[in-house]
Amino acid sequence: MKYIFILTFISAFLTTNAQKFMTKNGYIGFYSHTPVEDIKADNNQVASILDISTGEIAFQVLIKSFQFEKALMQEHFNENYLESEKFPRSTFSGKITNFSDVNFSKPGKYEVTVEGDLLIHGVTKKISTKGSVEIAENSIIATSKFNIQPEDYNINIPAVVRNNIAKIIAVTVNMKYAPVEKK
């Protein structure tokens, strides 16, 4: 089932003449810090595609693929907070707004701004974040760090654990793209 979603996601963005880069094992992690406890989760199964001819970028994240240090945190995250049976995926679809500042044919690191629609827990919000794109010989590395608020995405935190979870969650994105092979 997971692979059907990934294939559908990727095929929606593939066209014959465009220059596409993709990954199926990108990284998205989040971190919550409070005086009570720190919570960190990692997901290395993120599918993403970058079109270097337009600056369009898209991600798809399976919520159940986030890994926590404590099994009970992971269970509560999936069952109580993100309700991963009801909302199995998070997606982002957007564009590098300063796309013309990036020379995709020249190795180097470029500062970028990305804007688009972030879907979490059935709620879509427009976001804008800073990041970087590093052009290498056969890959593109994209990174970004930004913050989200669970309440913006209708994620309810019960009063009994409200002090354990930060009101603002730090999100880290690291993608290493490879060229899509044309057939």
C-alpha atoms as a PDB file:
ATOM      1  CA  MET A   1       0.000   0.000   0.000  1.00  0.00           C
ATOM      2  CA  LYS A   2       2.842   2.382   0.905  1.00  0.00           C
ATOM      3  CA  TYR A   3       4.457   1.901  -2.505  1.00  0.00           C
ATOM      4  CA  ILE A   4       1.194   2.602  -4.347  1.00  0.00           C
ATOM      5  CA  PHE A   5       1.051   6.050  -2.686  1.00  0.00           C
ATOM      6  CA  ILE A   6       4.698   6.749  -3.531  1.00  0.00           C
ATOM      7  CA  LEU A   7       4.287   5.665  -7.161  1.00  0.00           C
ATOM      8  CA  THR A   8       1.134   7.762  -7.543  1.00  0.00           C
ATOM      9  CA  PHE A   9       2.878  10.734  -5.941  1.00  0.00           C
ATOM     10  CA  ILE A  10       5.938  10.469  -8.172  1.00  0.00           C
ATOM     11  CA  SER A  11       4.063   9.802 -11.405  1.00  0.00           C
ATOM     12  CA  ALA A  12       1.906  12.882 -10.844  1.00  0.00           C
ATOM     13  CA  PHE A  13       5.016  15.040 -11.215  1.00  0.00           C
ATOM     14  CA  LEU A  14       6.880  13.254 -14.002  1.00  0.00           C
ATOM     15  CA  THR A  15       6.760  14.662 -17.520  1.00  0.00           C
ATOM     16  CA  THR A  16       8.938  13.766 -20.492  1.00  0.00           C
ATOM     17  CA  ASN A  17      10.909  16.973 -21.112  1.00  0.00           C
ATOM     18  CA  ALA A  18      11.337  18.380 -17.619  1.00  0.00           C
ATOM     19  CA  GLN A  19      14.454  17.967 -15.513  1.00  0.00           C
ATOM     20  CA  LYS A  20      13.428  16.057 -12.391  1.00  0.00           C
ATOM     21  CA  PHE A  21      15.381  15.012  -9.343  1.00  0.00           C
ATOM     22  CA  MET A  22      13.907  12.748  -6.694  1.00  0.00           C
ATOM     23  CA  THR A  23      14.482  10.782  -3.529  1.00  0.00           C
ATOM     24  CA  LYS A  24      12.539   8.036  -1.800  1.00  0.00           C
ATOM     25  CA  ASN A  25      14.596   8.187   1.381  1.00  0.00           C
ATOM     26  CA  GLY A  26      14.684  11.838   2.335  1.00  0.00           C
ATOM     27  CA  TYR A  27      14.670  12.902   5.973  1.00  0.00           C
ATOM     28  CA  ILE A  28      12.146  14.879   7.980  1.00  0.00           C
ATOM     29  CA  GLY A  29      12.449  15.122  11.730  1.00  0.00           C
ATOM     30  CA  PHE A  30      10.826  17.131  14.442  1.00  0.00           C
ATOM     31  CA  TYR A  31      11.841  18.228  17.892  1.00  0.00           C
ATOM     32  CA  SER A  32       9.835  19.435  20.868  1.00  0.00           C
ATOM     33  CA  HIS A  33      11.584  20.894  23.899  1.00  0.00           C
ATOM     34  CA  THR A  34       9.926  21.673  27.213  1.00  0.00           C
ATOM     35  CA  PRO A  35      11.250  21.788  30.791  1.00  0.00           C
ATOM     36  CA  VAL A  36       9.422  18.490  31.350  1.00  0.00           C
ATOM     37  CA  GLU A  37      10.908  16.491  28.440  1.00  0.00           C
ATOM     38  CA  ASP A  38      12.353  16.531  24.946  1.00  0.00           C
ATOM     39  CA  ILE A  39      10.619  14.654  22.141  1.00  0.00           C
ATOM     40  CA  LYS A  40      12.357  13.821  18.880  1.00  0.00           C
ATOM     41  CA  ALA A  41      11.117  11.820  15.916  1.00  0.00           C
ATOM     42  CA  ASP A  42      12.857  10.890  12.679  1.00  0.00           C
ATOM     43  CA  ASN A  43      11.536   9.742   9.317  1.00  0.00           C
ATOM     44  CA  ASN A  44      13.971   8.552   6.624  1.00  0.00           C
ATOM     45  CA  GLN A  45      11.286   7.334   4.226  1.00  0.00           C
ATOM     46  CA  VAL A  46      10.236  10.648   2.698  1.00  0.00           C
ATOM     47  CA  ALA A  47       9.472  10.733  -1.026  1.00  0.00           C
ATOM     48  CA  SER A  48      10.229  14.025  -2.730  1.00  0.00           C
ATOM     49  CA  ILE A  49      10.650  15.399  -6.211  1.00  0.00           C
ATOM     50  CA  LEU A  50      12.269  18.613  -7.432  1.00  0.00           C
ATOM     51  CA  ASP A  51      11.754  20.011 -10.926  1.00  0.00           C
ATOM     52  CA  ILE A  52      14.839  22.108 -11.715  1.00  0.00           C
ATOM     53  CA  SER A  53      13.202  23.581 -14.807  1.00  0.00           C
ATOM     54  CA  THR A  54      10.438  25.269 -12.756  1.00  0.00           C
ATOM     55  CA  GLY A  55      11.571  25.207  -9.110  1.00  0.00           C
ATOM     56  CA  GLU A  56       8.534  23.144  -8.117  1.00  0.00           C
ATOM     57  CA  ILE A  57       9.050  20.836  -5.167  1.00  0.00           C
ATOM     58  CA  ALA A  58       6.821  18.249  -3.492  1.00  0.00           C
ATOM     59  CA  PHE A  59       7.084  15.904  -0.512  1.00  0.00           C
ATOM     60  CA  GLN A  60       5.051  13.000   0.774  1.00  0.00           C
ATOM     61  CA  VAL A  61       5.528  11.664   4.300  1.00  0.00           C
ATOM     62  CA  LEU A  62       3.906   8.562   5.755  1.00  0.00           C
ATOM     63  CA  ILE A  63       3.040   9.498   9.338  1.00  0.00           C
ATOM     64  CA  LYS A  64       3.555   5.949  10.681  1.00  0.00           C
ATOM     65  CA  SER A  65       7.169   6.063   9.456  1.00  0.00           C
ATOM     66  CA  PHE A  66       8.226   8.510  12.181  1.00  0.00           C
ATOM     67  CA  GLN A  67      10.438   6.743  14.707  1.00  0.00           C
ATOM     68  CA  PHE A  68      10.645   7.779  18.363  1.00  0.00           C
ATOM     69  CA  GLU A  69      13.078   6.819  21.106  1.00  0.00           C
ATOM     70  CA  LYS A  70      10.196   5.527  23.248  1.00  0.00           C
ATOM     71  CA  ALA A  71       7.609   3.133  21.810  1.00  0.00           C
ATOM     72  CA  LEU A  72       4.849   4.672  23.941  1.00  0.00           C
ATOM     73  CA  MET A  73       5.515   8.126  22.442  1.00  0.00           C
ATOM     74  CA  GLN A  74       5.269   6.653  18.963  1.00  0.00           C
ATOM     75  CA  GLU A  75       1.999   4.918  19.828  1.00  0.00           C
ATOM     76  CA  HIS A  76       0.458   8.091  21.287  1.00  0.00           C
ATOM     77  CA  PHE A  77       1.699  10.149  18.316  1.00  0.00           C
ATOM     78  CA  ASN A  78       0.019   7.812  15.818  1.00  0.00           C
ATOM     79  CA  GLU A  79      -3.159   6.992  17.731  1.00  0.00           C
ATOM     80  CA  ASN A  80      -3.983  10.132  19.716  1.00  0.00           C
ATOM     81  CA  TYR A  81      -2.301  13.144  18.134  1.00  0.00           C
ATOM     82  CA  LEU A  82      -1.751  12.648  14.383  1.00  0.00           C
ATOM     83  CA  GLU A  83      -4.409   9.930  14.058  1.00  0.00           C
ATOM     84  CA  SER A  84      -2.365   8.202  11.367  1.00  0.00           C
ATOM     85  CA  GLU A  85      -5.116   5.712  10.472  1.00  0.00           C
ATOM     86  CA  LYS A  86      -7.416   8.608   9.564  1.00  0.00           C
ATOM     87  CA  PHE A  87      -4.667  10.919   8.206  1.00  0.00           C
ATOM     88  CA  PRO A  88      -1.917   8.573   6.931  1.00  0.00           C
ATOM     89  CA  ARG A  89       0.130  11.149   4.996  1.00  0.00           C
ATOM     90  CA  SER A  90       1.467  14.633   5.222  1.00  0.00           C
ATOM     91  CA  THR A  91       2.318  16.440   1.994  1.00  0.00           C
ATOM     92  CA  PHE A  92       3.937  19.612   0.819  1.00  0.00           C
ATOM     93  CA  SER A  93       3.588  21.102  -2.637  1.00  0.00           C
ATOM     94  CA  GLY A  94       5.283  24.359  -3.468  1.00  0.00           C
ATOM     95  CA  LYS A  95       7.968  26.246  -5.298  1.00  0.00           C
ATOM     96  CA  ILE A  96      11.358  27.858  -4.786  1.00  0.00           C
ATOM     97  CA  THR A  97      10.365  31.532  -5.014  1.00  0.00           C
ATOM     98  CA  ASN A  98      13.855  32.811  -5.829  1.00  0.00           C
ATOM     99  CA  PHE A  99      14.377  30.026  -8.370  1.00  0.00           C
ATOM    100  CA  SER A 100      16.234  32.343 -10.767  1.00  0.00           C
ATOM    101  CA  ASP A 101      18.993  32.809  -8.136  1.00  0.00           C
ATOM    102  CA  VAL A 102      19.941  29.111  -8.321  1.00  0.00           C
ATOM    103  CA  ASN A 103      22.247  27.946 -11.100  1.00  0.00           C
ATOM    104  CA  PHE A 104      21.419  24.242 -11.269  1.00  0.00           C
ATOM    105  CA  SER A 105      24.259  23.667 -13.752  1.00  0.00           C
ATOM    106  CA  LYS A 106      26.975  25.088 -11.458  1.00  0.00           C
ATOM    107  CA  PRO A 107      28.164  23.346  -8.268  1.00  0.00           C
ATOM    108  CA  GLY A 108      27.648  25.488  -5.189  1.00  0.00           C
ATOM    109  CA  LYS A 109      25.350  26.287  -2.300  1.00  0.00           C
ATOM    110  CA  TYR A 110      22.415  28.665  -2.762  1.00  0.00           C
ATOM    111  CA  GLU A 111      20.084  30.209  -0.184  1.00  0.00           C
ATOM    112  CA  VAL A 112      16.444  29.744  -1.176  1.00  0.00           C
ATOM    113  CA  THR A 113      12.940  30.556  -0.028  1.00  0.00           C
ATOM    114  CA  VAL A 114      10.264  27.931  -0.505  1.00  0.00           C
ATOM    115  CA  GLU A 115       6.534  28.645  -0.379  1.00  0.00           C
ATOM    116  CA  GLY A 116       3.662  26.244  -0.685  1.00  0.00           C
ATOM    117  CA  ASP A 117       0.895  24.231   0.920  1.00  0.00           C
ATOM    118  CA  LEU A 118       1.667  21.992   3.898  1.00  0.00           C
ATOM    119  CA  LEU A 119      -0.941  19.335   4.721  1.00  0.00           C
ATOM    120  CA  ILE A 120      -0.832  17.837   8.206  1.00  0.00           C
ATOM    121  CA  HIS A 121      -3.663  16.053  10.021  1.00  0.00           C
ATOM    122  CA  GLY A 122      -6.154  16.918   7.267  1.00  0.00           C
ATOM    123  CA  VAL A 123      -5.430  20.669   7.469  1.00  0.00           C
ATOM    124  CA  THR A 124      -3.619  22.583   4.713  1.00  0.00           C
ATOM    125  CA  LYS A 125      -1.743  25.787   5.539  1.00  0.00           C
ATOM    126  CA  LYS A 126       0.386  28.041   3.367  1.00  0.00           C
ATOM    127  CA  ILE A 127       3.943  28.227   4.614  1.00  0.00           C
ATOM    128  CA  SER A 128       7.107  30.058   3.613  1.00  0.00           C
ATOM    129  CA  THR A 129      10.532  29.008   4.832  1.00  0.00           C
ATOM    130  CA  LYS A 130      14.202  29.637   4.186  1.00  0.00           C
ATOM    131  CA  GLY A 131      16.562  26.854   3.223  1.00  0.00           C
ATOM    132  CA  SER A 132      19.492  25.960   1.053  1.00  0.00           C
ATOM    133  CA  VAL A 133      20.098  24.013  -2.129  1.00  0.00           C
ATOM    134  CA  GLU A 134      23.544  22.571  -2.742  1.00  0.00           C
ATOM    135  CA  ILE A 135      24.330  21.566  -6.317  1.00  0.00           C
ATOM    136  CA  ALA A 136      26.814  18.693  -6.662  1.00  0.00           C
ATOM    137  CA  GLU A 137      27.926  16.667  -9.681  1.00  0.00           C
ATOM    138  CA  ASN A 138      25.113  14.071  -9.676  1.00  0.00           C
ATOM    139  CA  SER A 139      22.914  15.207  -6.811  1.00  0.00           C
ATOM    140  CA  ILE A 140      21.132  18.120  -5.221  1.00  0.00           C
ATOM    141  CA  ILE A 141      20.983  18.470  -1.448  1.00  0.00           C
ATOM    142  CA  ALA A 142      18.130  20.559  -0.066  1.00  0.00           C
ATOM    143  CA  THR A 143      17.826  21.513   3.601  1.00  0.00           C
ATOM    144  CA  SER A 144      15.479  23.621   5.672  1.00  0.00           C
ATOM    145  CA  LYS A 145      14.452  24.220   9.271  1.00  0.00           C
ATOM    146  CA  PHE A 146      11.148  25.787  10.232  1.00  0.00           C
ATOM    147  CA  ASN A 147       8.565  25.777  13.010  1.00  0.00           C
ATOM    148  CA  ILE A 148       4.955  24.665  13.168  1.00  0.00           C
ATOM    149  CA  GLN A 149       2.295  24.906  15.843  1.00  0.00           C
ATOM    150  CA  PRO A 150       0.241  21.727  16.408  1.00  0.00           C
ATOM    151  CA  GLU A 151      -2.908  23.782  17.114  1.00  0.00           C
ATOM    152  CA  ASP A 152      -2.688  25.285  13.583  1.00  0.00           C
ATOM    153  CA  TYR A 153      -3.283  21.770  12.230  1.00  0.00           C
ATOM    154  CA  ASN A 154      -6.074  20.826  14.664  1.00  0.00           C
ATOM    155  CA  ILE A 155      -3.768  18.526  16.609  1.00  0.00           C
ATOM    156  CA  ASN A 156      -5.267  18.351  20.074  1.00  0.00           C
ATOM    157  CA  ILE A 157      -2.898  17.891  22.999  1.00  0.00           C
ATOM    158  CA  PRO A 158      -4.702  16.608  26.118  1.00  0.00           C
ATOM    159  CA  ALA A 159      -4.348  18.787  29.226  1.00  0.00           C
ATOM    160  CA  VAL A 160      -2.620  15.984  31.139  1.00  0.00           C
ATOM    161  CA  VAL A 161       0.407  16.093  28.780  1.00  0.00           C
ATOM    162  CA  ARG A 162       0.167  19.677  27.513  1.00  0.00           C
ATOM    163  CA  ASN A 163       3.298  20.701  29.456  1.00  0.00           C
ATOM    164  CA  ASN A 164       5.262  17.816  27.903  1.00  0.00           C
ATOM    165  CA  ILE A 165       4.813  19.022  24.312  1.00  0.00           C
ATOM    166  CA  ALA A 166       6.090  22.357  23.046  1.00  0.00           C
ATOM    167  CA  LYS A 167       3.626  24.837  21.558  1.00  0.00           C
ATOM    168  CA  ILE A 168       6.090  25.294  18.688  1.00  0.00           C
ATOM    169  CA  ILE A 169       7.664  22.237  17.053  1.00  0.00           C
ATOM    170  CA  ALA A 170      10.978  22.529  15.171  1.00  0.00           C
ATOM    171  CA  VAL A 171      10.969  20.674  11.828  1.00  0.00           C
ATOM    172  CA  THR A 172      14.153  19.711   9.965  1.00  0.00           C
ATOM    173  CA  VAL A 173      14.184  18.688   6.297  1.00  0.00           C
ATOM    174  CA  ASN A 174      17.188  17.089   4.528  1.00  0.00           C
ATOM    175  CA  MET A 175      16.820  15.719   1.010  1.00  0.00           C
ATOM    176  CA  LYS A 176      19.484  14.253  -1.255  1.00  0.00           C
ATOM    177  CA  TYR A 177      18.048  14.174  -4.765  1.00  0.00           C
ATOM    178  CA  ALA A 178      19.310  12.124  -7.684  1.00  0.00           C
ATOM    179  CA  PRO A 179      18.355  12.675 -11.330  1.00  0.00           C
ATOM    180  CA  VAL A 180      15.286  10.812 -12.556  1.00  0.00           C
ATOM    181  CA  GLU A 181      16.335   8.385 -15.245  1.00  0.00           C
ATOM    182  CA  LYS A 182      14.565   9.052 -18.531  1.00  0.00           C
ATOM    183  CA  LYS A 183      13.298   5.972 -20.312  1.00  0.00           C
END
